[in-house]
């Protein structure tokens, strides 16, 4: 048996035994939820109050991107509500990057510091509840529940994550995007086509990049509906028929809602030329704004010769989107893990990322962490990389922006270390997933006799 295999099996065997013997001594599930949500909400309220309800953090580079800042949305509302400006000039200036659909939001919720802070905290609470419910469903469907993190711990991985807290307090639109991704994931796992279509199309029309997850959500929803859907109570319908019914329904309804949303955006923009498409969606591809972020994009193109600019913009975006196909093929049997990898790739190579995107990736990673933890090779390295960047991001930004004793190279160096942290988690997770599958498929017969039962239980997952 390869080195480490027996240790991993023994740990799983022990965890399975402990889960059945010490449950009575553990705190109740409701008490755990209450503690996690109370602490998470209290931290957000406290930090928001100290920072003037988050107003002093809205423009911090790590927390909000040039395309997702709340200030930009406030500016859009103010121009349309109070300024006598031409819509052609507004969208033609290429400075407004929020979807016209957001003009439907009440201005008071956006402009008032206290109300907007309450809204963002509520969005994070919805995200945590959705994550906990997703973990609960996945755990109930697993044959070995001992290797799955409890829903309370999964919710804590998001609510108590410093990145999620910072992005929430700074009122970054990344938190809205994260919430819609989690709702889409829960809807797909439940096999609920209507909620999946609504949440995913809204996410795509507001931020565009979530379109990258469409194939995974479609297949995950079809699989869940075919395995656990209400069709099973009907007579004469086969599983494969139910699978295709869900897929056709998803594609048809999503296409209709997407076209309706684009038409509504066109009407709300007030521009007969449709210039909002270039300003809202084109800017995410063509890099109109090279304001520094925590990503790898801005510095590379600041130093780029102008005649190479268009080519490398295309290369960078194709490089990110092309991962969709191999990830979908490789992890067809574990689409939740496939979504985790795609979200990590997007955090790493997206043009305008922030720490809220990293928090979303780590939150979804917690859904698979429990069963892969025994196979991770360097989790401490990944943790230290994130700890290092968390401490030095504000330091180097201050030295560069305020004291002038550092320059862009210092800040970009921390960006690279942060990217290394994300890449470290992705690569370690991919290796752990492959190692788990390899051991399950090829080394059952080599397990010692006293562990045969444990091995069979692991393989049945």
Protein backbone atom coordinates (compact mmCIF):
# COMPACT_ATOMS: atom_id res chain seq x y z
CA UNK A 1 0.00 0.00 0.00
CA UNK A 2 1.43 3.49 -0.86
CA UNK A 3 2.70 5.60 1.96
CA UNK A 4 -0.08 7.61 3.62
CA UNK A 5 -2.95 5.43 2.40
CA UNK A 6 -3.29 3.46 5.61
CA UNK A 7 -3.07 6.63 7.73
CA UNK A 8 -5.84 8.30 5.72
CA UNK A 9 -8.09 5.24 6.02
CA UNK A 10 -7.45 4.98 9.75
CA UNK A 11 -8.30 8.66 10.25
CA UNK A 12 -11.56 8.22 8.37
CA UNK A 13 -12.33 5.09 10.34
CA UNK A 14 -11.69 6.93 13.60
CA UNK A 15 -13.77 9.94 12.55
CA UNK A 16 -16.66 7.66 11.63
CA UNK A 17 -16.45 5.99 15.04
CA UNK A 18 -16.23 9.29 16.91
CA UNK A 19 -19.17 10.76 15.02
CA UNK A 20 -21.40 8.00 16.38
CA UNK A 21 -20.09 7.99 19.96
CA UNK A 22 -19.57 11.62 21.00
CA UNK A 23 -22.54 13.29 19.31
CA UNK A 24 -24.36 13.47 22.63
CA UNK A 25 -21.54 15.53 24.09
CA UNK A 26 -21.50 18.07 21.27
CA UNK A 27 -23.39 21.38 21.42
CA UNK A 28 -26.73 21.41 19.67
CA UNK A 29 -26.86 22.45 16.04
CA UNK A 30 -29.09 25.42 16.81
CA UNK A 31 -26.62 26.68 19.45
CA UNK A 32 -23.77 26.44 16.92
CA UNK A 33 -25.74 28.37 14.31
CA UNK A 34 -26.67 31.02 16.86
CA UNK A 35 -23.06 31.48 17.97
CA UNK A 36 -21.62 31.68 14.43
CA UNK A 37 -24.26 34.05 13.08
CA UNK A 38 -24.17 36.26 16.18
CA UNK A 39 -20.39 36.65 16.04
CA UNK A 40 -20.38 37.16 12.25
CA UNK A 41 -23.07 39.83 12.34
CA UNK A 42 -21.58 41.52 15.42
CA UNK A 43 -18.16 41.81 13.76
CA UNK A 44 -19.70 43.39 10.67
CA UNK A 45 -21.79 45.85 12.67
CA UNK A 46 -18.86 46.81 14.92
CA UNK A 47 -16.37 47.38 12.10
CA UNK A 48 -18.99 49.22 10.05
CA UNK A 49 -19.75 51.51 12.98
CA UNK A 50 -16.08 52.27 13.58
CA UNK A 51 -15.53 53.06 9.86
CA UNK A 52 -18.51 55.46 9.57
CA UNK A 53 -20.76 52.63 8.39
CA UNK A 54 -18.11 51.52 5.92
CA UNK A 55 -17.84 54.86 4.11
CA UNK A 56 -14.12 55.19 4.82
CA UNK A 57 -13.41 51.77 3.23
CA UNK A 58 -15.48 52.03 0.05
CA UNK A 59 -12.55 53.03 -2.17
CA UNK A 60 -9.87 50.77 -0.66
CA UNK A 61 -8.14 48.88 -3.50
CA UNK A 62 -8.30 45.46 -1.85
CA UNK A 63 -12.01 45.62 -1.04
CA UNK A 64 -13.60 47.11 -4.15
CA UNK A 65 -12.63 47.09 -7.82
CA UNK A 66 -12.93 50.00 -10.27
CA UNK A 67 -15.96 48.30 -11.84
CA UNK A 68 -17.74 47.16 -8.66
CA UNK A 69 -17.40 50.12 -6.29
CA UNK A 70 -20.52 51.35 -4.53
CA UNK A 71 -19.46 54.94 -5.26
CA UNK A 72 -19.82 54.22 -8.96
CA UNK A 73 -23.36 52.94 -8.44
CA UNK A 74 -24.20 56.01 -6.37
CA UNK A 75 -22.85 58.20 -9.13
CA UNK A 76 -25.00 56.40 -11.68
CA UNK A 77 -28.12 56.90 -9.53
CA UNK A 78 -27.29 60.57 -8.95
CA UNK A 79 -26.74 61.27 -12.65
CA UNK A 80 -30.01 59.66 -13.71
CA UNK A 81 -32.05 61.05 -10.80
CA UNK A 82 -30.75 64.58 -10.33
CA UNK A 83 -28.51 65.58 -13.26
CA UNK A 84 -29.78 66.72 -16.63
CA UNK A 85 -27.32 64.64 -18.62
CA UNK A 86 -27.81 62.88 -21.93
CA UNK A 87 -27.85 59.05 -21.70
CA UNK A 88 -25.62 58.93 -24.79
CA UNK A 89 -23.00 61.00 -22.96
CA UNK A 90 -23.32 58.96 -19.77
CA UNK A 91 -22.72 55.58 -21.38
CA UNK A 92 -20.46 56.89 -24.14
CA UNK A 93 -17.99 58.19 -21.57
CA UNK A 94 -17.12 54.57 -20.65
CA UNK A 95 -16.99 55.50 -16.96
CA UNK A 96 -20.23 53.81 -15.85
CA UNK A 97 -19.86 50.05 -15.49
CA UNK A 98 -22.94 49.01 -13.50
CA UNK A 99 -25.90 47.42 -15.25
CA UNK A 100 -28.90 49.73 -15.90
CA UNK A 101 -31.02 47.16 -14.04
CA UNK A 102 -29.52 48.48 -10.80
CA UNK A 103 -31.34 51.76 -11.44
CA UNK A 104 -34.45 49.92 -10.24
CA UNK A 105 -33.05 49.85 -6.70
CA UNK A 106 -34.39 52.54 -4.35
CA UNK A 107 -31.86 55.37 -4.21
CA UNK A 108 -32.15 55.61 -0.44
CA UNK A 109 -30.80 52.09 0.02
CA UNK A 110 -27.75 53.03 -2.02
CA UNK A 111 -27.10 56.60 -0.86
CA UNK A 112 -27.77 56.28 2.87
CA UNK A 113 -24.65 54.94 4.70
CA UNK A 114 -26.54 53.15 7.46
CA UNK A 115 -29.20 51.54 5.26
CA UNK A 116 -26.63 50.40 2.71
CA UNK A 117 -24.56 48.82 5.51
CA UNK A 118 -27.64 46.95 6.73
CA UNK A 119 -28.36 45.73 3.19
CA UNK A 120 -24.83 44.37 2.73
CA UNK A 121 -24.89 42.61 6.09
CA UNK A 122 -28.24 41.04 5.16
CA UNK A 123 -26.75 39.86 1.86
CA UNK A 124 -23.91 38.14 3.74
CA UNK A 125 -26.36 36.48 6.11
CA UNK A 126 -28.36 35.13 3.17
CA UNK A 127 -25.11 33.81 1.65
CA UNK A 128 -24.17 32.02 4.88
CA UNK A 129 -27.64 30.48 5.27
CA UNK A 130 -27.54 29.29 1.67
CA UNK A 131 -24.08 27.77 2.17
CA UNK A 132 -25.19 25.98 5.34
CA UNK A 133 -28.26 24.56 3.59
CA UNK A 134 -26.10 23.41 0.67
CA UNK A 135 -23.69 21.66 3.07
CA UNK A 136 -26.62 20.02 4.84
CA UNK A 137 -28.00 18.60 1.58
CA UNK A 138 -24.60 17.36 0.41
CA UNK A 139 -23.98 15.75 3.79
CA UNK A 140 -27.35 14.00 3.77
CA UNK A 141 -26.58 12.51 0.34
CA UNK A 142 -23.11 11.29 1.35
CA UNK A 143 -22.81 7.70 2.54
CA UNK A 144 -19.98 8.66 4.91
CA UNK A 145 -21.17 11.78 6.71
CA UNK A 146 -18.16 11.78 9.03
CA UNK A 147 -15.89 13.17 6.28
CA UNK A 148 -18.16 16.16 5.54
CA UNK A 149 -17.88 19.44 7.39
CA UNK A 150 -20.97 20.29 9.39
CA UNK A 151 -23.22 23.06 8.01
CA UNK A 152 -22.28 25.25 10.97
CA UNK A 153 -18.57 25.06 10.12
CA UNK A 154 -19.27 25.78 6.46
CA UNK A 155 -21.28 28.87 7.42
CA UNK A 156 -18.44 29.92 9.75
CA UNK A 157 -15.92 29.59 6.91
CA UNK A 158 -17.76 32.44 5.22
CA UNK A 159 -19.16 34.56 8.04
CA UNK A 160 -15.90 34.61 10.03
CA UNK A 161 -13.58 34.95 7.03
CA UNK A 162 -11.70 38.28 7.32
CA UNK A 163 -11.91 38.76 3.54
CA UNK A 164 -15.70 38.38 3.56
CA UNK A 165 -16.03 40.72 6.54
CA UNK A 166 -13.86 43.38 4.88
CA UNK A 167 -15.71 43.19 1.56
CA UNK A 168 -19.07 43.40 3.35
CA UNK A 169 -18.06 46.43 5.43
CA UNK A 170 -16.69 48.14 2.30
CA UNK A 171 -20.01 47.40 0.53
CA UNK A 172 -18.34 45.72 -2.42
CA UNK A 173 -20.62 44.42 -5.15
CA UNK A 174 -18.62 41.19 -5.00
CA UNK A 175 -20.77 40.19 -2.02
CA UNK A 176 -23.91 40.43 -4.15
CA UNK A 177 -22.22 38.30 -6.80
CA UNK A 178 -21.20 35.74 -4.17
CA UNK A 179 -24.72 35.57 -2.79
CA UNK A 180 -26.20 34.90 -6.24
CA UNK A 181 -23.59 32.20 -6.93
CA UNK A 182 -24.47 30.43 -3.69
CA UNK A 183 -28.21 30.67 -4.40
CA UNK A 184 -27.59 29.22 -7.88
CA UNK A 185 -25.57 26.36 -6.39
CA UNK A 186 -28.26 25.52 -3.85
CA UNK A 187 -30.96 25.67 -6.55
CA UNK A 188 -28.96 23.35 -8.80
CA UNK A 189 -28.41 20.84 -5.98
CA UNK A 190 -32.11 20.90 -5.19
CA UNK A 191 -33.04 20.56 -8.86
CA UNK A 192 -35.08 23.79 -8.76
CA UNK A 193 -35.01 25.13 -12.30
CA UNK A 194 -36.91 28.38 -11.73
CA UNK A 195 -34.77 29.70 -8.89
CA UNK A 196 -31.62 28.54 -10.67
CA UNK A 197 -32.56 30.39 -13.85
CA UNK A 198 -33.55 33.54 -11.98
CA UNK A 199 -30.42 33.75 -9.78
CA UNK A 200 -27.92 32.75 -12.46
CA UNK A 201 -29.29 34.97 -15.22
CA UNK A 202 -29.48 37.93 -12.82
CA UNK A 203 -25.89 37.28 -11.75
CA UNK A 204 -24.74 37.03 -15.35
CA UNK A 205 -26.55 40.17 -16.49
CA UNK A 206 -25.17 42.21 -13.59
CA UNK A 207 -21.55 40.99 -13.59
CA UNK A 208 -21.15 38.94 -16.80
CA UNK A 209 -18.26 36.71 -15.57
CA UNK A 210 -20.62 34.20 -13.82
CA UNK A 211 -21.63 33.06 -17.34
CA UNK A 212 -18.50 30.92 -17.01
CA UNK A 213 -20.40 28.67 -14.57
CA UNK A 214 -23.44 28.09 -16.80
CA UNK A 215 -22.47 24.57 -18.05
CA UNK A 216 -21.76 23.35 -14.51
CA UNK A 217 -25.02 24.71 -13.12
CA UNK A 218 -26.99 23.21 -16.02
CA UNK A 219 -25.46 19.74 -15.61
CA UNK A 220 -25.57 19.82 -11.80
CA UNK A 221 -29.24 20.82 -11.85
CA UNK A 222 -30.08 18.11 -14.39
CA UNK A 223 -28.24 15.44 -12.38
CA UNK A 224 -29.91 16.47 -9.11
CA UNK A 225 -33.35 16.58 -10.68
CA UNK A 226 -32.86 13.17 -12.30
CA UNK A 227 -31.65 11.62 -9.01
CA UNK A 228 -33.82 13.37 -6.43
CA UNK A 229 -36.51 15.32 -8.30
CA UNK A 230 -40.28 15.16 -7.94
CA UNK A 231 -40.56 13.24 -11.23
CA UNK A 232 -39.73 10.03 -9.33
CA UNK A 233 -43.29 9.94 -8.01
CA UNK A 234 -44.64 9.87 -11.58
CA UNK A 235 -45.25 6.61 -13.40
CA UNK A 236 -43.67 5.86 -16.77
CA UNK A 237 -40.91 8.53 -16.80
CA UNK A 238 -37.34 7.33 -17.08
CA UNK A 239 -34.35 8.96 -15.40
CA UNK A 240 -32.77 9.97 -18.70
CA UNK A 241 -36.03 11.59 -19.77
CA UNK A 242 -36.17 13.59 -16.55
CA UNK A 243 -32.55 14.67 -17.08
CA UNK A 244 -33.29 16.04 -20.55
CA UNK A 245 -36.54 17.66 -19.36
CA UNK A 246 -34.65 19.73 -16.77
CA UNK A 247 -31.86 20.64 -19.21
CA UNK A 248 -34.29 21.80 -21.91
CA UNK A 249 -36.30 23.76 -19.39
CA UNK A 250 -33.15 25.45 -18.04
CA UNK A 251 -31.82 26.40 -21.47
CA UNK A 252 -35.17 27.67 -22.74
CA UNK A 253 -36.10 29.70 -19.64
CA UNK A 254 -32.58 31.08 -19.21
CA UNK A 255 -32.47 32.24 -22.84
CA UNK A 256 -35.84 33.97 -22.54
CA UNK A 257 -34.97 35.66 -19.26
CA UNK A 258 -31.57 36.75 -20.56
CA UNK A 259 -33.12 38.41 -23.63
CA UNK A 260 -35.81 40.02 -21.49
CA UNK A 261 -33.18 41.35 -19.08
CA UNK A 262 -31.09 42.79 -21.90
CA UNK A 263 -34.16 44.48 -23.37
CA UNK A 264 -35.09 45.91 -19.95
CA UNK A 265 -31.51 47.18 -19.59
CA UNK A 266 -31.78 48.82 -22.99
CA UNK A 267 -34.97 50.62 -21.98
CA UNK A 268 -33.60 51.72 -18.61
CA UNK A 269 -30.36 53.00 -20.13
CA UNK A 270 -32.28 55.55 -22.21
CA UNK A 271 -29.73 55.31 -25.01
CA UNK A 272 -31.18 54.26 -28.39
CA UNK A 273 -27.70 53.24 -29.57
CA UNK A 274 -27.24 50.66 -26.81
CA UNK A 275 -23.89 52.10 -25.76
CA UNK A 276 -24.37 50.62 -22.27
CA UNK A 277 -23.28 47.23 -23.66
CA UNK A 278 -19.81 48.57 -24.41
CA UNK A 279 -19.58 50.47 -21.11
CA UNK A 280 -20.93 47.72 -18.82
CA UNK A 281 -19.73 44.50 -20.44
CA UNK A 282 -17.03 45.59 -22.89
CA UNK A 283 -15.03 47.30 -20.17
CA UNK A 284 -14.55 43.98 -18.38
CA UNK A 285 -12.82 42.58 -21.48
CA UNK A 286 -11.05 45.57 -22.99
CA UNK A 287 -9.44 46.85 -19.77
CA UNK A 288 -10.61 50.45 -20.00
CA UNK A 289 -9.62 51.09 -16.38
CA UNK A 290 -6.16 50.02 -15.20
CA UNK A 291 -6.62 51.17 -11.61
CA UNK A 292 -4.62 48.85 -9.31
CA UNK A 293 -6.43 45.84 -7.85
CA UNK A 294 -5.28 42.69 -6.04
CA UNK A 295 -5.18 40.82 -9.36
CA UNK A 296 -2.41 40.07 -11.83
CA UNK A 297 -3.95 42.06 -14.68
CA UNK A 298 -3.37 45.78 -14.15
CA UNK A 299 0.42 45.94 -13.74
CA UNK A 300 1.03 43.67 -16.72
CA UNK A 301 -0.92 45.99 -19.04
CA UNK A 302 0.42 49.21 -17.56
CA UNK A 303 3.87 48.05 -18.73
CA UNK A 304 2.58 46.68 -22.05
CA UNK A 305 3.45 48.39 -25.35
CA UNK A 306 0.29 49.83 -26.91
CA UNK A 307 0.60 47.86 -30.17
CA UNK A 308 0.61 44.56 -28.20
CA UNK A 309 -2.22 45.60 -25.89
CA UNK A 310 -5.24 44.20 -27.80
CA UNK A 311 -3.59 40.85 -28.52
CA UNK A 312 -2.61 40.16 -24.92
CA UNK A 313 -5.98 41.29 -23.59
CA UNK A 314 -7.50 38.59 -25.78
CA UNK A 315 -4.93 36.03 -24.65
CA UNK A 316 -5.50 36.72 -20.94
CA UNK A 317 -9.28 36.38 -21.20
CA UNK A 318 -9.17 33.27 -23.39
CA UNK A 319 -6.74 31.73 -20.91
CA UNK A 320 -9.28 32.15 -18.10
CA UNK A 321 -12.38 31.01 -19.99
CA UNK A 322 -10.76 28.03 -21.67
CA UNK A 323 -10.49 26.21 -18.33
CA UNK A 324 -14.25 25.65 -18.40
CA UNK A 325 -14.13 22.73 -20.83
CA UNK A 326 -11.34 20.61 -19.26
CA UNK A 327 -12.67 21.20 -15.73
CA UNK A 328 -16.15 20.17 -16.83
CA UNK A 329 -14.84 16.98 -18.47
CA UNK A 330 -12.51 16.02 -15.63
CA UNK A 331 -14.94 16.62 -12.77
CA UNK A 332 -18.15 15.54 -14.45
CA UNK A 333 -18.85 13.18 -11.54
CA UNK A 334 -18.16 15.85 -8.91
CA UNK A 335 -19.53 19.10 -10.26
CA UNK A 336 -19.46 20.91 -6.91
CA UNK A 337 -15.70 20.42 -6.83
CA UNK A 338 -15.53 21.47 -10.49
CA UNK A 339 -17.32 24.71 -9.59
CA UNK A 340 -14.79 25.24 -6.78
CA UNK A 341 -11.88 24.96 -9.21
CA UNK A 342 -13.48 27.26 -11.78
CA UNK A 343 -14.20 29.88 -9.13
CA UNK A 344 -10.58 29.68 -7.99
CA UNK A 345 -9.33 30.07 -11.56
CA UNK A 346 -11.59 33.10 -11.98
CA UNK A 347 -10.23 34.65 -8.77
CA UNK A 348 -6.70 34.11 -10.02
CA UNK A 349 -7.01 35.36 -13.61
CA UNK A 350 -9.98 37.75 -13.53
CA UNK A 351 -9.25 41.30 -14.67
CA UNK A 352 -10.87 43.01 -11.67
CA UNK A 353 -10.82 40.77 -8.54
CA UNK A 354 -11.09 41.76 -4.88
CA UNK A 355 -10.84 39.96 -1.55
CA UNK A 356 -14.59 39.25 -1.67
CA UNK A 357 -13.99 36.93 -4.63
CA UNK A 358 -11.29 35.09 -2.68
CA UNK A 359 -13.72 34.70 0.24
CA UNK A 360 -16.31 33.18 -2.13
CA UNK A 361 -13.75 30.69 -3.43
CA UNK A 362 -12.68 29.64 0.07
CA UNK A 363 -16.31 29.33 1.17
CA UNK A 364 -17.19 26.93 -1.67
CA UNK A 365 -13.92 25.06 -1.08
CA UNK A 366 -15.15 24.31 2.45
CA UNK A 367 -17.90 22.11 0.93
CA UNK A 368 -15.24 19.66 -0.33
CA UNK A 369 -12.56 20.24 2.30
CA UNK A 370 -13.79 17.66 4.81
CA UNK A 371 -13.36 14.61 2.59
CA UNK A 372 -10.11 15.83 0.99
CA UNK A 373 -8.35 17.16 4.08
CA UNK A 374 -6.44 13.91 4.66
CA UNK A 375 -4.86 14.15 1.21
CA UNK A 376 -3.72 17.79 1.22
CA UNK A 377 0.03 18.18 1.02
CA UNK A 378 0.76 21.77 2.06
CA UNK A 379 -2.26 23.44 3.69
CA UNK A 380 0.05 25.33 6.09
CA UNK A 381 1.89 26.90 3.16
CA UNK A 382 -1.39 28.09 1.67
CA UNK A 383 -2.52 29.49 5.01
CA UNK A 384 0.75 31.36 5.55
CA UNK A 385 0.61 32.87 2.07
CA UNK A 386 -2.86 34.30 2.79
CA UNK A 387 -1.77 35.49 6.25
CA UNK A 388 1.31 37.16 4.75
CA UNK A 389 -0.67 39.03 2.10
CA UNK A 390 -3.45 40.00 4.52
CA UNK A 391 -0.92 41.75 6.74
CA UNK A 392 1.15 43.37 3.99
CA UNK A 393 -1.59 44.55 1.59
CA UNK A 394 -2.48 47.61 3.70
CA UNK A 395 1.15 48.25 4.62
CA UNK A 396 2.45 48.40 1.05
CA UNK A 397 -0.59 50.32 -0.16
CA UNK A 398 0.03 52.93 2.54
CA UNK A 399 3.74 53.15 1.73
CA UNK A 400 2.96 53.58 -1.97
CA UNK A 401 -0.10 55.84 -1.92
CA UNK A 402 0.51 58.03 1.13
CA UNK A 403 4.16 58.18 2.21
CA UNK A 404 5.76 57.71 -1.22
CA UNK A 405 8.49 55.50 0.26
CA UNK A 406 7.46 52.56 -1.94
CA UNK A 407 6.23 52.17 -5.50
CA UNK A 408 3.91 50.02 -7.60
CA UNK A 409 6.44 47.18 -7.64
CA UNK A 410 6.02 46.66 -3.89
CA UNK A 411 2.25 46.48 -4.13
CA UNK A 412 2.31 44.20 -7.16
CA UNK A 413 4.73 41.87 -5.36
CA UNK A 414 2.04 41.29 -2.72
CA UNK A 415 -0.47 40.73 -5.53
CA UNK A 416 1.77 37.96 -6.83
CA UNK A 417 2.01 36.36 -3.38
CA UNK A 418 -1.79 36.51 -3.06
CA UNK A 419 -2.07 34.83 -6.45
CA UNK A 420 0.35 32.19 -5.23
CA UNK A 421 -1.94 31.55 -2.26
CA UNK A 422 -4.94 31.00 -4.50
CA UNK A 423 -2.92 28.83 -6.89
CA UNK A 424 -1.58 26.84 -3.94
CA UNK A 425 -5.10 26.01 -2.75
CA UNK A 426 -6.23 25.09 -6.28
CA UNK A 427 -3.27 22.82 -7.02
CA UNK A 428 -3.40 21.17 -3.61
CA UNK A 429 -7.15 20.57 -3.95
CA UNK A 430 -6.77 19.11 -7.44
CA UNK A 431 -4.01 16.77 -6.27
CA UNK A 432 -6.02 15.72 -3.21
CA UNK A 433 -9.11 14.99 -5.32
CA UNK A 434 -7.09 12.90 -7.75
CA UNK A 435 -5.31 11.06 -4.94
CA UNK A 436 -8.60 10.22 -3.25
CA UNK A 437 -10.08 8.84 -6.46
CA UNK A 438 -6.90 6.94 -7.31
CA UNK A 439 -6.79 5.24 -3.93
CA UNK A 440 -10.49 4.42 -4.02
CA UNK A 441 -10.24 2.83 -7.46
CA UNK A 442 -6.87 1.05 -7.36
CA UNK A 443 -5.86 0.22 -3.83
CA UNK A 444 -8.89 -1.41 -2.27
CA UNK A 445 -7.38 -4.86 -2.45
CA UNK A 446 -4.14 -3.73 -0.78
CA UNK A 447 -5.87 -2.50 2.38
CA UNK A 448 -5.28 -4.63 5.50
CA UNK A 449 -8.08 -6.95 6.51
CA UNK A 450 -8.95 -5.01 9.65
CA UNK A 451 -9.72 -1.94 7.47
CA UNK A 452 -11.59 -3.57 4.61
CA UNK A 453 -14.96 -2.37 5.91
CA UNK A 454 -13.73 1.22 6.13
CA UNK A 455 -12.35 1.08 2.59
CA UNK A 456 -15.64 -0.20 1.20
CA UNK A 457 -17.48 2.60 2.99
CA UNK A 458 -15.17 5.21 1.49
CA UNK A 459 -15.53 3.78 -2.02
CA UNK A 460 -19.32 3.88 -1.84
CA UNK A 461 -19.33 7.68 -1.53
